Amino acid sequence: MNAQQEVIAFLACPQSYDAPGDEVELIETHGSLIFLHGQRAYKLKRAIAYAALDFLSLDSRERACQAELRLNRRTAPDLYLEVRSINRAADGSLSFNGGGQVLDWVVVMRRFAQDALFERMALDGRLSLDLMDRLGAQIARFHASAELTPAFGGAAGIRQAIEDNHHELRLYLAQLDAVAVDALHHDSRAALEQLAGLLEQRRREGRVRRCHGDLRLANICLYEGRPTLFDGIEFSEQIACIDVLYDLAFVLMDLRQHGLPGHADRLLQRYLEHSALAEDCRPLPLFLSLRAATRCFTLASGALRLSEPQARAEKTAQAQALLNQANVYLHGDGQALTPRG
């Protein structure tokens, strides 16, 4: 058993915690394992490496935990509590913040009910327009206070996003239409050529900032009555240091994919009303397309990991629909969001 397997076994055991009577629940994500116990969640970085992240070393996982705590406290200070070490004592036993060898690190968060997630609320029909009003104001305030990062973003940043998406989409041509994938690549590059000057202007004017980076409904919750952004990107400046409208585009796209176009329009309207700067929304169709493409290949990848045929087919169908929608956004059909601003 390697060191992280020992840590996983430790975190899965109720006796490892202050109140051992409760069961431990596990949530698995792309890069983390989240152990739910009592009123706390303990987030462990997987010892893995992908194109955009590398958590193979203990030092890299500690840095990622510390960065996650610092960055997510900007939007969810009440949720993100601390980083703890997991140590092995001289007798071989493991404990939190012990004095022996450090085996790994976890981010400790306050636990909240899963039905408070905006994604769950959208699926259940509980996501109100009033929440969109409050969420739009919250995101605008967050963007206004976020650190400026002019070394990122602009035309070069979006060009890289287009190429990264195309590379990933081509890995799943057994599930996705190759003609549609190549058409999206061609048309995205053409759209970028039209918008390059504006994107550079936005970068120079301070609209590229250290944003959330993964602003989906699954990463927004209602905590103590407030829309709360959590689980922002900590492992990649390239992914998180982006145009503020590109950050917003993820949740706008997600709302539309959940069949809530009116909610998306309302959110955008309220965001623009509370934005610190007057916004030019001409890049938004390209940003929406990029977000749909990113979600497409993520779902295609997830489908391959499913063993149940029907579940795999459903997730593949969702990926195919997102590929189609990514193309639709670029051509101004399907009521793609292009508001005045």
C-alpha atoms as a PDB file:
ATOM      1  CA  MET A   1       0.000   0.000   0.000  1.00  0.00           C
ATOM      2  CA  ASN A   2       1.476   3.367  -1.026  1.00  0.00           C
ATOM      3  CA  ALA A   3       1.327   6.482   1.139  1.00  0.00           C
ATOM      4  CA  GLN A   4      -1.768   7.967  -0.508  1.00  0.00           C
ATOM      5  CA  GLN A   5      -3.644   4.675  -0.266  1.00  0.00           C
ATOM      6  CA  GLU A   6      -2.926   4.722   3.464  1.00  0.00           C
ATOM      7  CA  VAL A   7      -4.269   8.276   3.645  1.00  0.00           C
ATOM      8  CA  ILE A   8      -7.414   7.313   1.734  1.00  0.00           C
ATOM      9  CA  ALA A   9      -8.024   4.407   4.109  1.00  0.00           C
ATOM     10  CA  PHE A  10      -7.505   6.758   7.066  1.00  0.00           C
ATOM     11  CA  LEU A  11      -9.952   9.349   5.714  1.00  0.00           C
ATOM     12  CA  ALA A  12     -12.547   6.666   4.949  1.00  0.00           C
ATOM     13  CA  CYS A  13     -12.567   5.482   8.569  1.00  0.00           C
ATOM     14  CA  PRO A  14     -15.047   7.199  10.952  1.00  0.00           C
ATOM     15  CA  GLN A  15     -12.678   6.610  13.889  1.00  0.00           C
ATOM     16  CA  SER A  16     -10.154   8.994  12.325  1.00  0.00           C
ATOM     17  CA  TYR A  17     -12.316  12.011  13.172  1.00  0.00           C
ATOM     18  CA  ASP A  18     -13.311  13.866  16.325  1.00  0.00           C
ATOM     19  CA  ALA A  19     -16.846  12.394  16.248  1.00  0.00           C
ATOM     20  CA  PRO A  20     -16.354   8.789  15.103  1.00  0.00           C
ATOM     21  CA  GLY A  21     -20.013   7.811  15.222  1.00  0.00           C
ATOM     22  CA  ASP A  22     -20.912   9.294  11.821  1.00  0.00           C
ATOM     23  CA  GLU A  23     -20.397   7.435   8.569  1.00  0.00           C
ATOM     24  CA  VAL A  24     -17.955   8.777   5.985  1.00  0.00           C
ATOM     25  CA  GLU A  25     -19.334   9.588   2.521  1.00  0.00           C
ATOM     26  CA  LEU A  26     -17.077   9.865  -0.515  1.00  0.00           C
ATOM     27  CA  ILE A  27     -17.402  12.153  -3.543  1.00  0.00           C
ATOM     28  CA  GLU A  28     -14.944  11.590  -6.386  1.00  0.00           C
ATOM     29  CA  THR A  29     -13.976  14.339  -8.828  1.00  0.00           C
ATOM     30  CA  HIS A  30     -11.486  14.630 -11.669  1.00  0.00           C
ATOM     31  CA  GLY A  31      -8.621  15.640  -9.401  1.00  0.00           C
ATOM     32  CA  SER A  32      -9.797  15.092  -5.833  1.00  0.00           C
ATOM     33  CA  LEU A  33     -11.431  12.779  -3.324  1.00  0.00           C
ATOM     34  CA  ILE A  34     -13.812  14.505  -0.918  1.00  0.00           C
ATOM     35  CA  PHE A  35     -14.626  12.761   2.362  1.00  0.00           C
ATOM     36  CA  LEU A  36     -17.790  13.969   4.115  1.00  0.00           C
ATOM     37  CA  HIS A  37     -17.980  13.425   7.859  1.00  0.00           C
ATOM     38  CA  GLY A  38     -20.180  15.208  10.355  1.00  0.00           C
ATOM     39  CA  GLN A  39     -20.267  18.928   9.585  1.00  0.00           C
ATOM     40  CA  ARG A  40     -16.996  18.910   7.625  1.00  0.00           C
ATOM     41  CA  ALA A  41     -15.681  17.988   4.183  1.00  0.00           C
ATOM     42  CA  TYR A  42     -12.047  16.916   3.741  1.00  0.00           C
ATOM     43  CA  LYS A  43     -10.679  17.373   0.227  1.00  0.00           C
ATOM     44  CA  LEU A  44      -7.661  15.295  -0.784  1.00  0.00           C
ATOM     45  CA  LYS A  45      -5.788  15.967  -4.039  1.00  0.00           C
ATOM     46  CA  ARG A  46      -5.313  12.774  -6.041  1.00  0.00           C
ATOM     47  CA  ALA A  47      -1.676  11.843  -6.718  1.00  0.00           C
ATOM     48  CA  ILE A  48      -2.189  12.165 -10.479  1.00  0.00           C
ATOM     49  CA  ALA A  49      -1.085  14.278 -13.432  1.00  0.00           C
ATOM     50  CA  TYR A  50      -3.114  15.563 -16.389  1.00  0.00           C
ATOM     51  CA  ALA A  51      -2.307  18.109 -19.056  1.00  0.00           C
ATOM     52  CA  ALA A  52      -3.371  21.038 -16.881  1.00  0.00           C
ATOM     53  CA  LEU A  53      -2.374  19.790 -13.411  1.00  0.00           C
ATOM     54  CA  ASP A  54       0.327  17.760 -11.713  1.00  0.00           C
ATOM     55  CA  PHE A  55      -0.341  16.517  -8.186  1.00  0.00           C
ATOM     56  CA  LEU A  56       2.190  13.686  -8.220  1.00  0.00           C
ATOM     57  CA  SER A  57       4.502  15.143  -5.581  1.00  0.00           C
ATOM     58  CA  LEU A  58       3.639  15.808  -1.953  1.00  0.00           C
ATOM     59  CA  ASP A  59       4.923  19.381  -2.284  1.00  0.00           C
ATOM     60  CA  SER A  60       2.657  20.056  -5.274  1.00  0.00           C
ATOM     61  CA  ARG A  61      -0.366  18.812  -3.346  1.00  0.00           C
ATOM     62  CA  GLU A  62       0.466  21.016  -0.369  1.00  0.00           C
ATOM     63  CA  ARG A  63       0.864  24.052  -2.631  1.00  0.00           C
ATOM     64  CA  ALA A  64      -2.448  23.267  -4.325  1.00  0.00           C
ATOM     65  CA  CYS A  65      -4.238  22.934  -0.983  1.00  0.00           C
ATOM     66  CA  GLN A  66      -2.848  26.235   0.278  1.00  0.00           C
ATOM     67  CA  ALA A  67      -3.745  27.957  -3.013  1.00  0.00           C
ATOM     68  CA  GLU A  68      -7.267  26.503  -2.934  1.00  0.00           C
ATOM     69  CA  LEU A  69      -7.809  27.805   0.580  1.00  0.00           C
ATOM     70  CA  ARG A  70      -6.498  31.284  -0.265  1.00  0.00           C
ATOM     71  CA  LEU A  71      -8.279  31.700  -3.594  1.00  0.00           C
ATOM     72  CA  ASN A  72     -11.653  30.297  -2.555  1.00  0.00           C
ATOM     73  CA  ARG A  73     -11.773  32.397   0.592  1.00  0.00           C
ATOM     74  CA  ARG A  74     -12.299  35.332  -1.775  1.00  0.00           C
ATOM     75  CA  THR A  75     -15.839  34.109  -2.481  1.00  0.00           C
ATOM     76  CA  ALA A  76     -16.564  31.554   0.277  1.00  0.00           C
ATOM     77  CA  PRO A  77     -14.683  32.548   3.446  1.00  0.00           C
ATOM     78  CA  ASP A  78     -17.197  30.751   5.653  1.00  0.00           C
ATOM     79  CA  LEU A  79     -16.843  27.468   3.744  1.00  0.00           C
ATOM     80  CA  TYR A  80     -13.054  27.200   3.540  1.00  0.00           C
ATOM     81  CA  LEU A  81     -11.624  26.641   7.020  1.00  0.00           C
ATOM     82  CA  GLU A  82      -8.042  25.384   6.945  1.00  0.00           C
ATOM     83  CA  VAL A  83      -5.427  23.063   5.480  1.00  0.00           C
ATOM     84  CA  ARG A  84      -4.466  20.068   7.597  1.00  0.00           C
ATOM     85  CA  SER A  85      -1.578  17.659   7.298  1.00  0.00           C
ATOM     86  CA  ILE A  86      -1.966  13.911   7.756  1.00  0.00           C
ATOM     87  CA  ASN A  87       0.996  12.490   9.638  1.00  0.00           C
ATOM     88  CA  ARG A  88       2.386   9.078  10.553  1.00  0.00           C
ATOM     89  CA  ALA A  89       3.498   8.723  14.175  1.00  0.00           C
ATOM     90  CA  ALA A  90       6.425   6.603  15.338  1.00  0.00           C
ATOM     91  CA  ASP A  91       4.048   3.709  16.085  1.00  0.00           C
ATOM     92  CA  GLY A  92       2.743   3.801  12.497  1.00  0.00           C
ATOM     93  CA  SER A  93      -0.648   5.335  13.297  1.00  0.00           C
ATOM     94  CA  LEU A  94      -2.008   8.249  11.264  1.00  0.00           C
ATOM     95  CA  SER A  95      -3.506  11.474  12.590  1.00  0.00           C
ATOM     96  CA  PHE A  96      -4.388  15.028  11.552  1.00  0.00           C
ATOM     97  CA  ASN A  97      -1.689  17.659  12.206  1.00  0.00           C
ATOM     98  CA  GLY A  98       0.480  15.133  14.055  1.00  0.00           C
ATOM     99  CA  GLY A  99       4.169  15.458  14.797  1.00  0.00           C
ATOM    100  CA  GLY A 100       5.477  12.687  12.591  1.00  0.00           C
ATOM    101  CA  GLN A 101       6.111  12.288   8.869  1.00  0.00           C
ATOM    102  CA  VAL A 102       3.687  14.204   6.629  1.00  0.00           C
ATOM    103  CA  LEU A 103       1.964  11.796   4.246  1.00  0.00           C
ATOM    104  CA  ASP A 104      -0.492  14.209   2.607  1.00  0.00           C
ATOM    105  CA  TRP A 105      -2.619  17.332   2.955  1.00  0.00           C
ATOM    106  CA  VAL A 106      -6.343  18.062   2.916  1.00  0.00           C
ATOM    107  CA  VAL A 107      -8.456  21.191   2.604  1.00  0.00           C
ATOM    108  CA  VAL A 108     -11.068  21.274   5.367  1.00  0.00           C
ATOM    109  CA  MET A 109     -14.421  22.854   4.505  1.00  0.00           C
ATOM    110  CA  ARG A 110     -17.761  23.328   6.168  1.00  0.00           C
ATOM    111  CA  ARG A 111     -20.208  20.807   4.809  1.00  0.00           C
ATOM    112  CA  PHE A 112     -23.454  21.928   3.194  1.00  0.00           C
ATOM    113  CA  ALA A 113     -26.486  20.019   1.969  1.00  0.00           C
ATOM    114  CA  GLN A 114     -26.151  18.727  -1.593  1.00  0.00           C
ATOM    115  CA  ASP A 115     -29.620  20.029  -2.431  1.00  0.00           C
ATOM    116  CA  ALA A 116     -28.187  23.546  -1.908  1.00  0.00           C
ATOM    117  CA  LEU A 117     -26.100  23.180  -5.074  1.00  0.00           C
ATOM    118  CA  PHE A 118     -27.405  25.336  -7.908  1.00  0.00           C
ATOM    119  CA  GLU A 119     -27.085  22.381 -10.278  1.00  0.00           C
ATOM    120  CA  ARG A 120     -29.374  20.292  -8.065  1.00  0.00           C
ATOM    121  CA  MET A 121     -31.760  23.222  -7.737  1.00  0.00           C
ATOM    122  CA  ALA A 122     -31.857  23.636 -11.518  1.00  0.00           C
ATOM    123  CA  LEU A 123     -32.669  19.957 -12.006  1.00  0.00           C
ATOM    124  CA  ASP A 124     -35.405  20.120  -9.356  1.00  0.00           C
ATOM    125  CA  GLY A 125     -36.968  23.327 -10.698  1.00  0.00           C
ATOM    126  CA  ARG A 126     -36.025  25.315  -7.582  1.00  0.00           C
ATOM    127  CA  LEU A 127     -33.685  27.853  -9.178  1.00  0.00           C
ATOM    128  CA  SER A 128     -35.536  31.163  -9.051  1.00  0.00           C
ATOM    129  CA  LEU A 129     -35.041  34.375 -11.007  1.00  0.00           C
ATOM    130  CA  ASP A 130     -34.493  36.150  -7.701  1.00  0.00           C
ATOM    131  CA  LEU A 131     -31.447  33.933  -7.148  1.00  0.00           C
ATOM    132  CA  MET A 132     -30.195  34.950 -10.608  1.00  0.00           C
ATOM    133  CA  ASP A 133     -30.488  38.596  -9.564  1.00  0.00           C
ATOM    134  CA  ARG A 134     -28.426  37.986  -6.455  1.00  0.00           C
ATOM    135  CA  LEU A 135     -25.941  35.750  -8.239  1.00  0.00           C
ATOM    136  CA  GLY A 136     -25.356  38.330 -10.982  1.00  0.00           C
ATOM    137  CA  ALA A 137     -24.571  40.990  -8.389  1.00  0.00           C
ATOM    138  CA  GLN A 138     -22.312  38.592  -6.473  1.00  0.00           C
ATOM    139  CA  ILE A 139     -20.251  37.617  -9.533  1.00  0.00           C
ATOM    140  CA  ALA A 140     -19.928  41.265 -10.595  1.00  0.00           C
ATOM    141  CA  ARG A 141     -18.609  42.217  -7.155  1.00  0.00           C
ATOM    142  CA  PHE A 142     -16.159  39.324  -7.198  1.00  0.00           C
ATOM    143  CA  HIS A 143     -14.830  40.255 -10.632  1.00  0.00           C
ATOM    144  CA  ALA A 144     -14.483  43.924  -9.631  1.00  0.00           C
ATOM    145  CA  SER A 145     -12.213  42.999  -6.707  1.00  0.00           C
ATOM    146  CA  ALA A 146     -10.239  40.205  -8.429  1.00  0.00           C
ATOM    147  CA  GLU A 147      -6.539  40.667  -9.106  1.00  0.00           C
ATOM    148  CA  LEU A 148      -5.629  42.054 -12.545  1.00  0.00           C
ATOM    149  CA  THR A 149      -3.528  39.594 -14.581  1.00  0.00           C
ATOM    150  CA  PRO A 150      -2.612  41.305 -17.892  1.00  0.00           C
ATOM    151  CA  ALA A 151       0.092  38.744 -18.681  1.00  0.00           C
ATOM    152  CA  PHE A 152      -2.704  36.280 -19.479  1.00  0.00           C
ATOM    153  CA  GLY A 153      -5.865  36.326 -21.567  1.00  0.00           C
ATOM    154  CA  GLY A 154      -6.395  38.463 -24.623  1.00  0.00           C
ATOM    155  CA  ALA A 155      -6.302  36.999 -28.118  1.00  0.00           C
ATOM    156  CA  ALA A 156      -3.420  34.651 -27.246  1.00  0.00           C
ATOM    157  CA  GLY A 157      -5.297  33.187 -24.295  1.00  0.00           C
ATOM    158  CA  ILE A 158      -8.428  32.509 -26.324  1.00  0.00           C
ATOM    159  CA  ARG A 159      -6.373  31.086 -29.190  1.00  0.00           C
ATOM    160  CA  GLN A 160      -4.819  28.628 -26.740  1.00  0.00           C
ATOM    161  CA  ALA A 161      -8.273  27.701 -25.404  1.00  0.00           C
ATOM    162  CA  ILE A 162      -9.486  26.986 -28.947  1.00  0.00           C
ATOM    163  CA  GLU A 163      -6.500  24.752 -29.670  1.00  0.00           C
ATOM    164  CA  ASP A 164      -6.724  22.956 -26.331  1.00  0.00           C
ATOM    165  CA  ASN A 165     -10.417  22.247 -26.891  1.00  0.00           C
ATOM    166  CA  HIS A 166      -9.776  20.938 -30.390  1.00  0.00           C
ATOM    167  CA  HIS A 167      -7.018  18.628 -29.176  1.00  0.00           C
ATOM    168  CA  GLU A 168      -9.272  17.219 -26.461  1.00  0.00           C
ATOM    169  CA  LEU A 169     -12.331  16.853 -28.716  1.00  0.00           C
ATOM    170  CA  ARG A 170     -10.354  14.849 -31.261  1.00  0.00           C
ATOM    171  CA  LEU A 171      -9.606  12.273 -28.573  1.00  0.00           C
ATOM    172  CA  TYR A 172     -13.306  11.297 -28.592  1.00  0.00           C
ATOM    173  CA  LEU A 173     -14.131  10.986 -32.278  1.00  0.00           C
ATOM    174  CA  ALA A 174     -15.576   7.531 -31.631  1.00  0.00           C
ATOM    175  CA  GLN A 175     -18.371   9.376 -29.799  1.00  0.00           C
ATOM    176  CA  LEU A 176     -18.393  12.756 -31.546  1.00  0.00           C
ATOM    177  CA  ASP A 177     -18.912  13.780 -35.170  1.00  0.00           C
ATOM    178  CA  ALA A 178     -15.484  14.476 -36.677  1.00  0.00           C
ATOM    179  CA  VAL A 179     -16.946  16.881 -39.242  1.00  0.00           C
ATOM    180  CA  ALA A 180     -18.608  18.905 -36.482  1.00  0.00           C
ATOM    181  CA  VAL A 181     -15.401  18.925 -34.419  1.00  0.00           C
ATOM    182  CA  ASP A 182     -13.338  20.228 -37.339  1.00  0.00           C
ATOM    183  CA  ALA A 183     -16.005  22.779 -38.304  1.00  0.00           C
ATOM    184  CA  LEU A 184     -16.025  24.102 -34.753  1.00  0.00           C
ATOM    185  CA  HIS A 185     -12.246  24.470 -34.826  1.00  0.00           C
ATOM    186  CA  HIS A 186     -12.308  26.338 -38.153  1.00  0.00           C
ATOM    187  CA  ASP A 187     -15.161  28.639 -37.202  1.00  0.00           C
ATOM    188  CA  SER A 188     -13.760  29.367 -33.740  1.00  0.00           C
ATOM    189  CA  ARG A 189     -10.482  30.507 -35.266  1.00  0.00           C
ATOM    190  CA  ALA A 190     -12.370  32.669 -37.770  1.00  0.00           C
ATOM    191  CA  ALA A 191     -14.374  34.254 -34.933  1.00  0.00           C
ATOM    192  CA  LEU A 192     -11.159  34.906 -33.028  1.00  0.00           C
ATOM    193  CA  GLU A 193      -9.665  36.759 -35.994  1.00  0.00           C
ATOM    194  CA  GLN A 194     -12.671  39.083 -35.981  1.00  0.00           C
ATOM    195  CA  LEU A 195     -12.424  39.668 -32.227  1.00  0.00           C
ATOM    196  CA  ALA A 196      -8.653  39.699 -31.666  1.00  0.00           C
ATOM    197  CA  GLY A 197      -8.373  43.476 -31.461  1.00  0.00           C
ATOM    198  CA  LEU A 198     -11.266  43.754 -29.011  1.00  0.00           C
ATOM    199  CA  LEU A 199      -9.889  40.953 -26.843  1.00  0.00           C
ATOM    200  CA  GLU A 200      -6.533  42.707 -26.654  1.00  0.00           C
ATOM    201  CA  GLN A 201      -8.248  45.967 -25.782  1.00  0.00           C
ATOM    202  CA  ARG A 202     -10.160  44.229 -22.993  1.00  0.00           C
ATOM    203  CA  ARG A 203      -6.907  42.762 -21.658  1.00  0.00           C
ATOM    204  CA  ARG A 204      -5.209  46.180 -21.646  1.00  0.00           C
ATOM    205  CA  GLU A 205      -8.214  47.757 -19.925  1.00  0.00           C
ATOM    206  CA  GLY A 206      -8.083  45.318 -17.008  1.00  0.00           C
ATOM    207  CA  ARG A 207     -10.817  42.843 -17.864  1.00  0.00           C
ATOM    208  CA  VAL A 208      -8.469  39.854 -17.570  1.00  0.00           C
ATOM    209  CA  ARG A 209      -8.317  38.924 -13.884  1.00  0.00           C
ATOM    210  CA  ARG A 210      -7.711  36.036 -11.507  1.00  0.00           C
ATOM    211  CA  CYS A 211     -11.252  34.699 -11.838  1.00  0.00           C
ATOM    212  CA  HIS A 212     -13.002  31.538 -10.659  1.00  0.00           C
ATOM    213  CA  GLY A 213     -12.176  29.541 -13.792  1.00  0.00           C
ATOM    214  CA  ASP A 214     -14.807  26.809 -13.435  1.00  0.00           C
ATOM    215  CA  LEU A 215     -17.985  28.777 -12.802  1.00  0.00           C
ATOM    216  CA  ARG A 216     -20.564  26.026 -13.365  1.00  0.00           C
ATOM    217  CA  LEU A 217     -23.821  25.499 -11.498  1.00  0.00           C
ATOM    218  CA  ALA A 218     -22.161  22.574  -9.701  1.00  0.00           C
ATOM    219  CA  ASN A 219     -19.681  25.042  -8.161  1.00  0.00           C
ATOM    220  CA  ILE A 220     -22.284  27.460  -6.808  1.00  0.00           C
ATOM    221  CA  CYS A 221     -24.364  26.817  -3.714  1.00  0.00           C
ATOM    222  CA  LEU A 222     -26.872  28.598  -1.533  1.00  0.00           C
ATOM    223  CA  TYR A 223     -25.079  28.941   1.804  1.00  0.00           C
ATOM    224  CA  GLU A 224     -26.836  30.716   4.675  1.00  0.00           C
ATOM    225  CA  GLY A 225     -29.203  32.254   2.148  1.00  0.00           C
ATOM    226  CA  ARG A 226     -26.443  33.649  -0.123  1.00  0.00           C
ATOM    227  CA  PRO A 227     -25.336  32.492  -3.583  1.00  0.00           C
ATOM    228  CA  THR A 228     -21.776  31.324  -2.932  1.00  0.00           C
ATOM    229  CA  LEU A 229     -19.063  30.524  -5.462  1.00  0.00           C
ATOM    230  CA  PHE A 230     -16.705  27.720  -4.460  1.00  0.00           C
ATOM    231  CA  ASP A 231     -14.205  25.222  -5.899  1.00  0.00           C
ATOM    232  CA  GLY A 232     -12.463  27.724  -8.159  1.00  0.00           C
ATOM    233  CA  ILE A 233      -9.408  26.702 -10.164  1.00  0.00           C
ATOM    234  CA  GLU A 234      -6.236  26.779  -8.054  1.00  0.00           C
ATOM    235  CA  PHE A 235      -3.867  24.653 -10.139  1.00  0.00           C
ATOM    236  CA  SER A 236      -3.579  26.671 -13.370  1.00  0.00           C
ATOM    237  CA  GLU A 237      -3.106  30.399 -13.867  1.00  0.00           C
ATOM    238  CA  GLN A 238      -3.821  29.930 -17.561  1.00  0.00           C
ATOM    239  CA  ILE A 239      -7.293  28.540 -16.817  1.00  0.00           C
ATOM    240  CA  ALA A 240      -8.147  30.986 -14.025  1.00  0.00           C
ATOM    241  CA  CYS A 241      -6.565  34.230 -15.284  1.00  0.00           C
ATOM    242  CA  ILE A 242      -9.120  35.037 -17.948  1.00  0.00           C
ATOM    243  CA  ASP A 243     -11.503  37.645 -19.290  1.00  0.00           C
ATOM    244  CA  VAL A 244     -14.298  38.251 -16.796  1.00  0.00           C
ATOM    245  CA  LEU A 245     -16.931  37.569 -19.486  1.00  0.00           C
ATOM    246  CA  TYR A 246     -15.239  34.268 -20.303  1.00  0.00           C
ATOM    247  CA  ASP A 247     -15.570  33.365 -16.621  1.00  0.00           C
ATOM    248  CA  LEU A 248     -19.251  34.347 -16.602  1.00  0.00           C
ATOM    249  CA  ALA A 249     -19.895  32.473 -19.869  1.00  0.00           C
ATOM    250  CA  PHE A 250     -19.582  29.084 -18.169  1.00  0.00           C
ATOM    251  CA  VAL A 251     -22.605  29.563 -15.920  1.00  0.00           C
ATOM    252  CA  LEU A 252     -24.573  31.250 -18.712  1.00  0.00           C
ATOM    253  CA  MET A 253     -23.935  28.248 -20.961  1.00  0.00           C
ATOM    254  CA  ASP A 254     -24.735  25.828 -18.148  1.00  0.00           C
ATOM    255  CA  LEU A 255     -28.079  27.489 -17.443  1.00  0.00           C
ATOM    256  CA  ARG A 256     -29.065  27.238 -21.094  1.00  0.00           C
ATOM    257  CA  GLN A 257     -28.068  23.566 -21.211  1.00  0.00           C
ATOM    258  CA  HIS A 258     -30.362  22.990 -18.231  1.00  0.00           C
ATOM    259  CA  GLY A 259     -33.228  24.476 -20.241  1.00  0.00           C
ATOM    260  CA  LEU A 260     -33.194  27.817 -18.426  1.00  0.00           C
ATOM    261  CA  PRO A 261     -32.456  30.460 -21.098  1.00  0.00           C
ATOM    262  CA  GLY A 262     -34.556  33.058 -19.270  1.00  0.00           C
ATOM    263  CA  HIS A 263     -32.451  32.537 -16.161  1.00  0.00           C
ATOM    264  CA  ALA A 264     -29.284  32.999 -18.220  1.00  0.00           C
ATOM    265  CA  ASP A 265     -30.611  36.237 -19.714  1.00  0.00           C
ATOM    266  CA  ARG A 266     -31.613  37.511 -16.265  1.00  0.00           C
ATOM    267  CA  LEU A 267     -28.213  36.643 -14.799  1.00  0.00           C
ATOM    268  CA  LEU A 268     -26.376  38.444 -17.589  1.00  0.00           C
ATOM    269  CA  GLN A 269     -28.624  41.479 -17.275  1.00  0.00           C
ATOM    270  CA  ARG A 270     -28.016  41.766 -13.540  1.00  0.00           C
ATOM    271  CA  TYR A 271     -24.287  41.176 -13.967  1.00  0.00           C
ATOM    272  CA  LEU A 272     -24.062  44.019 -16.492  1.00  0.00           C
ATOM    273  CA  GLU A 273     -26.050  46.328 -14.214  1.00  0.00           C
ATOM    274  CA  HIS A 274     -23.628  45.706 -11.329  1.00  0.00           C
ATOM    275  CA  SER A 275     -20.416  45.572 -13.363  1.00  0.00           C
ATOM    276  CA  ALA A 276     -17.804  48.146 -12.423  1.00  0.00           C
ATOM    277  CA  LEU A 277     -17.122  48.890 -16.110  1.00  0.00           C
ATOM    278  CA  ALA A 278     -19.394  49.232 -19.133  1.00  0.00           C
ATOM    279  CA  GLU A 279     -19.231  45.916 -20.982  1.00  0.00           C
ATOM    280  CA  ASP A 280     -18.989  45.161 -24.705  1.00  0.00           C
ATOM    281  CA  CYS A 281     -20.536  41.706 -25.063  1.00  0.00           C
ATOM    282  CA  ARG A 282     -19.463  40.989 -28.648  1.00  0.00           C
ATOM    283  CA  PRO A 283     -17.025  38.240 -27.524  1.00  0.00           C
ATOM    284  CA  LEU A 284     -19.743  36.410 -25.611  1.00  0.00           C
ATOM    285  CA  PRO A 285     -20.898  34.016 -28.405  1.00  0.00           C
ATOM    286  CA  LEU A 286     -17.306  32.790 -28.855  1.00  0.00           C
ATOM    287  CA  PHE A 287     -16.888  32.476 -25.090  1.00  0.00           C
ATOM    288  CA  LEU A 288     -20.142  30.495 -24.809  1.00  0.00           C
ATOM    289  CA  SER A 289     -19.003  28.231 -27.638  1.00  0.00           C
ATOM    290  CA  LEU A 290     -15.680  27.561 -25.940  1.00  0.00           C
ATOM    291  CA  ARG A 291     -17.403  26.718 -22.674  1.00  0.00           C
ATOM    292  CA  ALA A 292     -19.803  24.323 -24.425  1.00  0.00           C
ATOM    293  CA  ALA A 293     -16.862  22.622 -26.142  1.00  0.00           C
ATOM    294  CA  THR A 294     -14.993  22.236 -22.864  1.00  0.00           C
ATOM    295  CA  ARG A 295     -18.020  20.676 -21.216  1.00  0.00           C
ATOM    296  CA  CYS A 296     -18.487  18.466 -24.275  1.00  0.00           C
ATOM    297  CA  PHE A 297     -15.142  16.704 -24.047  1.00  0.00           C
ATOM    298  CA  THR A 298     -15.420  16.446 -20.252  1.00  0.00           C
ATOM    299  CA  LEU A 299     -18.723  14.578 -20.630  1.00  0.00           C
ATOM    300  CA  ALA A 300     -17.347  12.423 -23.447  1.00  0.00           C
ATOM    301  CA  SER A 301     -14.448  11.434 -21.229  1.00  0.00           C
ATOM    302  CA  GLY A 302     -16.770  10.732 -18.314  1.00  0.00           C
ATOM    303  CA  ALA A 303     -18.997   8.557 -20.490  1.00  0.00           C
ATOM    304  CA  LEU A 304     -16.114   6.220 -21.243  1.00  0.00           C
ATOM    305  CA  ARG A 305     -15.615   5.577 -17.546  1.00  0.00           C
ATOM    306  CA  LEU A 306     -19.197   4.370 -17.100  1.00  0.00           C
ATOM    307  CA  SER A 307     -19.817   0.633 -17.238  1.00  0.00           C
ATOM    308  CA  GLU A 308     -23.636   0.769 -17.456  1.00  0.00           C
ATOM    309  CA  PRO A 309     -24.617   1.050 -21.163  1.00  0.00           C
ATOM    310  CA  GLN A 310     -27.646   3.307 -20.709  1.00  0.00           C
ATOM    311  CA  ALA A 311     -25.793   5.758 -18.480  1.00  0.00           C
ATOM    312  CA  ARG A 312     -22.904   5.813 -20.939  1.00  0.00           C
ATOM    313  CA  ALA A 313     -25.289   6.451 -23.847  1.00  0.00           C
ATOM    314  CA  GLU A 314     -27.042   9.284 -21.996  1.00  0.00           C
ATOM    315  CA  LYS A 315     -23.794  11.055 -21.153  1.00  0.00           C
ATOM    316  CA  THR A 316     -22.541  10.596 -24.712  1.00  0.00           C
ATOM    317  CA  ALA A 317     -25.781  12.140 -26.007  1.00  0.00           C
ATOM    318  CA  GLN A 318     -25.244  15.125 -23.712  1.00  0.00           C
ATOM    319  CA  ALA A 319     -21.735  15.556 -25.089  1.00  0.00           C
ATOM    320  CA  GLN A 320     -23.021  15.418 -28.658  1.00  0.00           C
ATOM    321  CA  ALA A 321     -25.682  18.022 -27.891  1.00  0.00           C
ATOM    322  CA  LEU A 322     -23.042  20.337 -26.439  1.00  0.00           C
ATOM    323  CA  LEU A 323     -20.886  19.969 -29.544  1.00  0.00           C
ATOM    324  CA  ASN A 324     -23.857  20.999 -31.650  1.00  0.00           C
ATOM    325  CA  GLN A 325     -24.593  23.917 -29.333  1.00  0.00           C
ATOM    326  CA  ALA A 326     -20.971  25.073 -29.490  1.00  0.00           C
ATOM    327  CA  ASN A 327     -21.366  25.438 -33.254  1.00  0.00           C
ATOM    328  CA  VAL A 328     -24.766  27.124 -32.875  1.00  0.00           C
ATOM    329  CA  TYR A 329     -23.376  29.822 -30.574  1.00  0.00           C
ATOM    330  CA  LEU A 330     -20.814  30.857 -33.173  1.00  0.00           C
ATOM    331  CA  HIS A 331     -23.432  31.402 -35.866  1.00  0.00           C
ATOM    332  CA  GLY A 332     -25.866  33.445 -33.808  1.00  0.00           C
ATOM    333  CA  ASP A 333     -28.664  30.882 -33.921  1.00  0.00           C
ATOM    334  CA  GLY A 334     -30.599  29.377 -31.046  1.00  0.00           C
ATOM    335  CA  GLN A 335     -30.900  32.726 -29.268  1.00  0.00           C
ATOM    336  CA  ALA A 336     -27.234  32.811 -28.346  1.00  0.00           C
ATOM    337  CA  LEU A 337     -26.698  35.480 -25.749  1.00  0.00           C
ATOM    338  CA  THR A 338     -25.727  38.714 -27.520  1.00  0.00           C
ATOM    339  CA  PRO A 339     -27.211  41.451 -25.333  1.00  0.00           C
ATOM    340  CA  ARG A 340     -26.821  45.141 -25.638  1.00  0.00           C
ATOM    341  CA  GLY A 341     -24.013  46.438 -23.518  1.00  0.00           C
END
